[in-house]
């Protein structure tokens, strides 16, 4: 199976493409690894240190739908045709891929099938689905700071699914936990006048 970074490089930079592409076009690269592939592709714009205005919420919705299907034990994903066929500027896709492909290559260098039961058993996929669903909700929140770390968790976890690498998916789940803590802290700070979750924990421990 060809490496995802090589497939994306070939498809979007070495071959001729129309000025606009769709998610359905991109899925042609997925083959049998479609769940992990979709999670990686949809989380990539928000996971990068590159401004991605307007993408976190709609892509978060799609990721949430995928997570629910993982939890339900679906073998192949379903996404609304309207979203699958929504045109995206080729230059926009290429901008994100230029920033993202080097990171993909770094993860690919250490990826191999191991602890595969985490990615292939129902219990493992349900656990991954729940974590990704929570991170997708965080991505949908239009507040700075609630998008990047959760998207990174989804990206790494999805890459583990893509490669049947349970160790990488576990690393992604750790990032998801960190993302949940960060998002909770930000929301609590907004709700309670600037007191973050860490401040509250420090106060509680001080008692």
C-alpha atoms as a PDB file:
ATOM      1  CA  UNK A   1       0.000   0.000   0.000  1.00  0.00           C
ATOM      2  CA  UNK A   2       1.497   3.339  -1.051  1.00  0.00           C
ATOM      3  CA  UNK A   3       2.285   5.862   1.646  1.00  0.00           C
ATOM      4  CA  UNK A   4      -0.369   8.531   2.057  1.00  0.00           C
ATOM      5  CA  UNK A   5       2.163  11.357   1.751  1.00  0.00           C
ATOM      6  CA  UNK A   6       3.354   9.983  -1.613  1.00  0.00           C
ATOM      7  CA  UNK A   7      -0.213   9.557  -2.842  1.00  0.00           C
ATOM      8  CA  UNK A   8      -1.141  13.127  -1.890  1.00  0.00           C
ATOM      9  CA  UNK A   9       2.065  14.521  -3.425  1.00  0.00           C
ATOM     10  CA  UNK A  10       1.429  12.721  -6.691  1.00  0.00           C
ATOM     11  CA  UNK A  11      -2.294  13.468  -6.846  1.00  0.00           C
ATOM     12  CA  UNK A  12      -2.192  17.182  -6.026  1.00  0.00           C
ATOM     13  CA  UNK A  13       1.238  18.363  -7.169  1.00  0.00           C
ATOM     14  CA  UNK A  14       2.513  16.077  -9.909  1.00  0.00           C
ATOM     15  CA  UNK A  15      -0.689  15.381 -11.860  1.00  0.00           C
ATOM     16  CA  UNK A  16      -2.898  17.932 -13.604  1.00  0.00           C
ATOM     17  CA  UNK A  17      -5.983  18.883 -11.557  1.00  0.00           C
ATOM     18  CA  UNK A  18      -8.932  21.249 -12.124  1.00  0.00           C
ATOM     19  CA  UNK A  19      -8.968  24.544 -10.220  1.00  0.00           C
ATOM     20  CA  UNK A  20     -11.489  23.114  -7.772  1.00  0.00           C
ATOM     21  CA  UNK A  21     -11.630  19.666  -6.189  1.00  0.00           C
ATOM     22  CA  UNK A  22     -14.111  17.883  -3.940  1.00  0.00           C
ATOM     23  CA  UNK A  23     -13.831  15.558  -0.989  1.00  0.00           C
ATOM     24  CA  UNK A  24     -15.252  12.828  -3.231  1.00  0.00           C
ATOM     25  CA  UNK A  25     -12.255  13.312  -5.566  1.00  0.00           C
ATOM     26  CA  UNK A  26      -9.827  12.998  -2.655  1.00  0.00           C
ATOM     27  CA  UNK A  27     -11.506   9.782  -1.480  1.00  0.00           C
ATOM     28  CA  UNK A  28     -10.351   8.039  -4.642  1.00  0.00           C
ATOM     29  CA  UNK A  29      -6.962   7.771  -2.911  1.00  0.00           C
ATOM     30  CA  UNK A  30      -8.337   6.014   0.147  1.00  0.00           C
ATOM     31  CA  UNK A  31      -8.842   2.424  -0.976  1.00  0.00           C
ATOM     32  CA  UNK A  32      -9.693   0.163   1.977  1.00  0.00           C
ATOM     33  CA  UNK A  33      -8.330   2.579   4.593  1.00  0.00           C
ATOM     34  CA  UNK A  34     -11.178   5.022   4.248  1.00  0.00           C
ATOM     35  CA  UNK A  35     -12.056   5.764   7.907  1.00  0.00           C
ATOM     36  CA  UNK A  36      -8.500   6.615   8.917  1.00  0.00           C
ATOM     37  CA  UNK A  37      -7.920   8.422   5.633  1.00  0.00           C
ATOM     38  CA  UNK A  38     -10.962  10.665   6.119  1.00  0.00           C
ATOM     39  CA  UNK A  39     -10.051  11.492   9.718  1.00  0.00           C
ATOM     40  CA  UNK A  40      -6.521  12.460   8.687  1.00  0.00           C
ATOM     41  CA  UNK A  41      -7.639  14.582   5.725  1.00  0.00           C
ATOM     42  CA  UNK A  42     -10.492  16.359   7.562  1.00  0.00           C
ATOM     43  CA  UNK A  43      -8.470  17.155  10.691  1.00  0.00           C
ATOM     44  CA  UNK A  44      -5.325  18.274   8.837  1.00  0.00           C
ATOM     45  CA  UNK A  45      -6.275  21.945   8.183  1.00  0.00           C
ATOM     46  CA  UNK A  46      -7.133  22.593  11.845  1.00  0.00           C
ATOM     47  CA  UNK A  47      -4.212  20.548  13.215  1.00  0.00           C
ATOM     48  CA  UNK A  48      -1.596  22.649  11.421  1.00  0.00           C
ATOM     49  CA  UNK A  49      -0.162  25.936  12.740  1.00  0.00           C
ATOM     50  CA  UNK A  50      -1.684  27.569   9.654  1.00  0.00           C
ATOM     51  CA  UNK A  51      -4.838  29.745   9.807  1.00  0.00           C
ATOM     52  CA  UNK A  52      -7.825  27.709   8.587  1.00  0.00           C
ATOM     53  CA  UNK A  53     -10.843  30.000   8.987  1.00  0.00           C
ATOM     54  CA  UNK A  54     -14.141  28.433   8.053  1.00  0.00           C
ATOM     55  CA  UNK A  55     -12.926  24.823   8.059  1.00  0.00           C
ATOM     56  CA  UNK A  56     -12.984  23.725  11.702  1.00  0.00           C
ATOM     57  CA  UNK A  57     -16.770  23.772  12.104  1.00  0.00           C
ATOM     58  CA  UNK A  58     -17.890  22.011   8.873  1.00  0.00           C
ATOM     59  CA  UNK A  59     -15.026  19.514   9.032  1.00  0.00           C
ATOM     60  CA  UNK A  60     -15.782  18.997  12.730  1.00  0.00           C
ATOM     61  CA  UNK A  61     -19.356  18.074  11.778  1.00  0.00           C
ATOM     62  CA  UNK A  62     -18.098  15.518   9.239  1.00  0.00           C
ATOM     63  CA  UNK A  63     -15.613  14.076  11.734  1.00  0.00           C
ATOM     64  CA  UNK A  64     -18.396  13.770  14.325  1.00  0.00           C
ATOM     65  CA  UNK A  65     -20.508  11.813  11.811  1.00  0.00           C
ATOM     66  CA  UNK A  66     -17.565   9.491  11.144  1.00  0.00           C
ATOM     67  CA  UNK A  67     -16.975   9.008  14.882  1.00  0.00           C
ATOM     68  CA  UNK A  68     -20.620   8.046  15.453  1.00  0.00           C
ATOM     69  CA  UNK A  69     -20.316   5.470  12.673  1.00  0.00           C
ATOM     70  CA  UNK A  70     -17.144   4.065  14.238  1.00  0.00           C
ATOM     71  CA  UNK A  71     -19.001   3.702  17.538  1.00  0.00           C
ATOM     72  CA  UNK A  72     -21.883   1.972  15.739  1.00  0.00           C
ATOM     73  CA  UNK A  73     -19.468  -0.527  14.171  1.00  0.00           C
ATOM     74  CA  UNK A  74     -19.902   0.590  10.564  1.00  0.00           C
ATOM     75  CA  UNK A  75     -17.490  -1.036   8.114  1.00  0.00           C
ATOM     76  CA  UNK A  76     -17.599   1.810   5.590  1.00  0.00           C
ATOM     77  CA  UNK A  77     -18.428   5.482   6.220  1.00  0.00           C
ATOM     78  CA  UNK A  78     -21.316   7.572   4.948  1.00  0.00           C
ATOM     79  CA  UNK A  79     -21.178  11.343   4.493  1.00  0.00           C
ATOM     80  CA  UNK A  80     -23.779  13.740   3.022  1.00  0.00           C
ATOM     81  CA  UNK A  81     -23.424  14.072  -0.745  1.00  0.00           C
ATOM     82  CA  UNK A  82     -23.714  17.851  -0.505  1.00  0.00           C
ATOM     83  CA  UNK A  83     -20.583  18.004   1.647  1.00  0.00           C
ATOM     84  CA  UNK A  84     -18.796  15.340  -0.384  1.00  0.00           C
ATOM     85  CA  UNK A  85     -19.339  17.325  -3.586  1.00  0.00           C
ATOM     86  CA  UNK A  86     -18.726  20.812  -2.189  1.00  0.00           C
ATOM     87  CA  UNK A  87     -15.961  22.413  -4.309  1.00  0.00           C
ATOM     88  CA  UNK A  88     -12.693  23.409  -2.620  1.00  0.00           C
ATOM     89  CA  UNK A  89     -10.072  25.585  -4.297  1.00  0.00           C
ATOM     90  CA  UNK A  90      -7.109  23.482  -5.425  1.00  0.00           C
ATOM     91  CA  UNK A  91      -4.699  26.174  -4.207  1.00  0.00           C
ATOM     92  CA  UNK A  92      -6.227  25.974  -0.723  1.00  0.00           C
ATOM     93  CA  UNK A  93      -5.779  22.194  -0.631  1.00  0.00           C
ATOM     94  CA  UNK A  94      -2.197  22.529  -1.857  1.00  0.00           C
ATOM     95  CA  UNK A  95      -1.423  25.140   0.811  1.00  0.00           C
ATOM     96  CA  UNK A  96      -2.499  22.820   3.613  1.00  0.00           C
ATOM     97  CA  UNK A  97      -0.747  19.832   2.050  1.00  0.00           C
ATOM     98  CA  UNK A  98       2.553  21.709   1.710  1.00  0.00           C
ATOM     99  CA  UNK A  99       2.465  22.287   5.450  1.00  0.00           C
ATOM    100  CA  UNK A 100       1.044  18.870   6.314  1.00  0.00           C
ATOM    101  CA  UNK A 101       2.969  16.401   4.129  1.00  0.00           C
ATOM    102  CA  UNK A 102       6.274  16.855   6.055  1.00  0.00           C
ATOM    103  CA  UNK A 103       4.422  15.944   9.268  1.00  0.00           C
ATOM    104  CA  UNK A 104       2.837  12.954   7.567  1.00  0.00           C
ATOM    105  CA  UNK A 105       6.256  11.733   6.473  1.00  0.00           C
ATOM    106  CA  UNK A 106       7.581  12.005  10.030  1.00  0.00           C
ATOM    107  CA  UNK A 107       4.761   9.821  11.373  1.00  0.00           C
ATOM    108  CA  UNK A 108       5.023   7.397   8.437  1.00  0.00           C
ATOM    109  CA  UNK A 109       8.698   6.881   9.255  1.00  0.00           C
ATOM    110  CA  UNK A 110       7.784   5.259  12.587  1.00  0.00           C
ATOM    111  CA  UNK A 111       4.415   3.710  11.631  1.00  0.00           C
ATOM    112  CA  UNK A 112       3.985  -0.048  11.302  1.00  0.00           C
ATOM    113  CA  UNK A 113       1.252  -2.556  12.152  1.00  0.00           C
ATOM    114  CA  UNK A 114       1.443  -3.149  15.935  1.00  0.00           C
ATOM    115  CA  UNK A 115      -1.122  -3.445  18.731  1.00  0.00           C
ATOM    116  CA  UNK A 116      -3.510  -3.702  15.797  1.00  0.00           C
ATOM    117  CA  UNK A 117      -6.392  -4.889  17.986  1.00  0.00           C
ATOM    118  CA  UNK A 118      -6.739  -1.294  19.211  1.00  0.00           C
ATOM    119  CA  UNK A 119      -7.638  -0.263  15.657  1.00  0.00           C
ATOM    120  CA  UNK A 120      -9.511  -3.361  14.497  1.00  0.00           C
ATOM    121  CA  UNK A 121     -11.601  -4.707  17.402  1.00  0.00           C
ATOM    122  CA  UNK A 122     -15.040  -3.307  18.187  1.00  0.00           C
ATOM    123  CA  UNK A 123     -13.992  -2.228  21.694  1.00  0.00           C
ATOM    124  CA  UNK A 124     -10.962  -0.377  20.338  1.00  0.00           C
ATOM    125  CA  UNK A 125     -12.902   1.362  17.575  1.00  0.00           C
ATOM    126  CA  UNK A 126     -15.694   2.356  19.989  1.00  0.00           C
ATOM    127  CA  UNK A 127     -13.119   3.906  22.345  1.00  0.00           C
ATOM    128  CA  UNK A 128     -11.476   5.736  19.456  1.00  0.00           C
ATOM    129  CA  UNK A 129     -14.884   6.826  18.145  1.00  0.00           C
ATOM    130  CA  UNK A 130     -15.930   8.319  21.499  1.00  0.00           C
ATOM    131  CA  UNK A 131     -12.660  10.245  21.845  1.00  0.00           C
ATOM    132  CA  UNK A 132     -12.874  11.557  18.284  1.00  0.00           C
ATOM    133  CA  UNK A 133     -16.533  12.546  18.705  1.00  0.00           C
ATOM    134  CA  UNK A 134     -15.633  14.677  21.744  1.00  0.00           C
ATOM    135  CA  UNK A 135     -12.724  16.274  19.890  1.00  0.00           C
ATOM    136  CA  UNK A 136     -14.976  16.965  16.890  1.00  0.00           C
ATOM    137  CA  UNK A 137     -17.403  18.823  19.172  1.00  0.00           C
ATOM    138  CA  UNK A 138     -14.465  20.877  20.439  1.00  0.00           C
ATOM    139  CA  UNK A 139     -13.476  21.685  16.844  1.00  0.00           C
ATOM    140  CA  UNK A 140     -16.983  23.024  16.227  1.00  0.00           C
ATOM    141  CA  UNK A 141     -16.753  25.540  19.086  1.00  0.00           C
ATOM    142  CA  UNK A 142     -15.976  28.959  17.532  1.00  0.00           C
ATOM    143  CA  UNK A 143     -13.525  29.968  20.265  1.00  0.00           C
ATOM    144  CA  UNK A 144      -9.742  30.341  19.752  1.00  0.00           C
ATOM    145  CA  UNK A 145      -7.766  27.526  21.338  1.00  0.00           C
ATOM    146  CA  UNK A 146     -10.466  24.861  21.110  1.00  0.00           C
ATOM    147  CA  UNK A 147      -9.550  23.652  17.616  1.00  0.00           C
ATOM    148  CA  UNK A 148      -5.845  22.931  17.131  1.00  0.00           C
ATOM    149  CA  UNK A 149      -4.991  20.438  19.895  1.00  0.00           C
ATOM    150  CA  UNK A 150      -8.239  18.434  19.479  1.00  0.00           C
ATOM    151  CA  UNK A 151      -7.617  18.332  15.712  1.00  0.00           C
ATOM    152  CA  UNK A 152      -4.064  17.106  16.352  1.00  0.00           C
ATOM    153  CA  UNK A 153      -5.512  14.326  18.512  1.00  0.00           C
ATOM    154  CA  UNK A 154      -7.882  13.318  15.726  1.00  0.00           C
ATOM    155  CA  UNK A 155      -5.099  13.515  13.124  1.00  0.00           C
ATOM    156  CA  UNK A 156      -2.718  11.230  15.041  1.00  0.00           C
ATOM    157  CA  UNK A 157      -5.457   8.804  16.118  1.00  0.00           C
ATOM    158  CA  UNK A 158      -6.790   8.648  12.554  1.00  0.00           C
ATOM    159  CA  UNK A 159      -3.299   7.999  11.216  1.00  0.00           C
ATOM    160  CA  UNK A 160      -3.018   5.040  13.574  1.00  0.00           C
ATOM    161  CA  UNK A 161      -6.273   3.693  12.127  1.00  0.00           C
ATOM    162  CA  UNK A 162      -4.918   4.276   8.631  1.00  0.00           C
ATOM    163  CA  UNK A 163      -1.812   2.169   9.306  1.00  0.00           C
ATOM    164  CA  UNK A 164      -3.332  -0.314  11.826  1.00  0.00           C
ATOM    165  CA  UNK A 165      -0.788   1.081  14.290  1.00  0.00           C
ATOM    166  CA  UNK A 166      -2.356   0.904  17.737  1.00  0.00           C
ATOM    167  CA  UNK A 167       0.662   2.553  19.361  1.00  0.00           C
ATOM    168  CA  UNK A 168       0.194   5.686  17.279  1.00  0.00           C
ATOM    169  CA  UNK A 169      -3.557   5.663  17.937  1.00  0.00           C
ATOM    170  CA  UNK A 170      -2.818   5.478  21.683  1.00  0.00           C
ATOM    171  CA  UNK A 171      -0.581   8.513  21.297  1.00  0.00           C
ATOM    172  CA  UNK A 172      -3.442  10.253  19.527  1.00  0.00           C
ATOM    173  CA  UNK A 173      -5.807   9.381  22.374  1.00  0.00           C
ATOM    174  CA  UNK A 174      -3.375  11.001  24.819  1.00  0.00           C
ATOM    175  CA  UNK A 175      -3.530  14.159  22.693  1.00  0.00           C
ATOM    176  CA  UNK A 176      -7.342  13.894  22.757  1.00  0.00           C
ATOM    177  CA  UNK A 177      -7.284  13.842  26.574  1.00  0.00           C
ATOM    178  CA  UNK A 178      -5.011  16.894  26.577  1.00  0.00           C
ATOM    179  CA  UNK A 179      -7.342  18.588  24.084  1.00  0.00           C
ATOM    180  CA  UNK A 180     -10.341  17.857  26.313  1.00  0.00           C
ATOM    181  CA  UNK A 181      -8.548  19.365  29.323  1.00  0.00           C
ATOM    182  CA  UNK A 182      -7.564  22.472  27.341  1.00  0.00           C
ATOM    183  CA  UNK A 183     -11.052  23.016  25.907  1.00  0.00           C
ATOM    184  CA  UNK A 184     -12.669  22.503  29.327  1.00  0.00           C
ATOM    185  CA  UNK A 185     -10.219  24.973  30.846  1.00  0.00           C
ATOM    186  CA  UNK A 186     -10.992  27.611  28.195  1.00  0.00           C
ATOM    187  CA  UNK A 187     -14.757  27.185  28.575  1.00  0.00           C
ATOM    188  CA  UNK A 188     -14.520  27.373  32.367  1.00  0.00           C
ATOM    189  CA  UNK A 189     -12.362  30.481  32.132  1.00  0.00           C
ATOM    190  CA  UNK A 190     -14.993  32.146  29.951  1.00  0.00           C
ATOM    191  CA  UNK A 191     -17.863  31.047  32.173  1.00  0.00           C
ATOM    192  CA  UNK A 192     -16.268  31.851  35.526  1.00  0.00           C
ATOM    193  CA  UNK A 193     -14.477  35.087  34.911  1.00  0.00           C
ATOM    194  CA  UNK A 194     -11.014  33.967  33.940  1.00  0.00           C
ATOM    195  CA  UNK A 195     -10.514  30.993  36.275  1.00  0.00           C
ATOM    196  CA  UNK A 196      -9.087  28.185  34.189  1.00  0.00           C
ATOM    197  CA  UNK A 197      -9.363  24.518  35.095  1.00  0.00           C
ATOM    198  CA  UNK A 198      -5.755  24.546  36.291  1.00  0.00           C
ATOM    199  CA  UNK A 199      -6.493  27.489  38.603  1.00  0.00           C
ATOM    200  CA  UNK A 200      -9.488  25.647  40.051  1.00  0.00           C
ATOM    201  CA  UNK A 201      -7.423  22.481  40.620  1.00  0.00           C
ATOM    202  CA  UNK A 202      -4.689  24.504  42.332  1.00  0.00           C
ATOM    203  CA  UNK A 203      -7.261  26.150  44.594  1.00  0.00           C
ATOM    204  CA  UNK A 204      -8.843  22.791  45.428  1.00  0.00           C
ATOM    205  CA  UNK A 205      -5.435  21.244  46.242  1.00  0.00           C
ATOM    206  CA  UNK A 206      -4.580  24.259  48.372  1.00  0.00           C
ATOM    207  CA  UNK A 207      -7.532  23.513  50.602  1.00  0.00           C
END
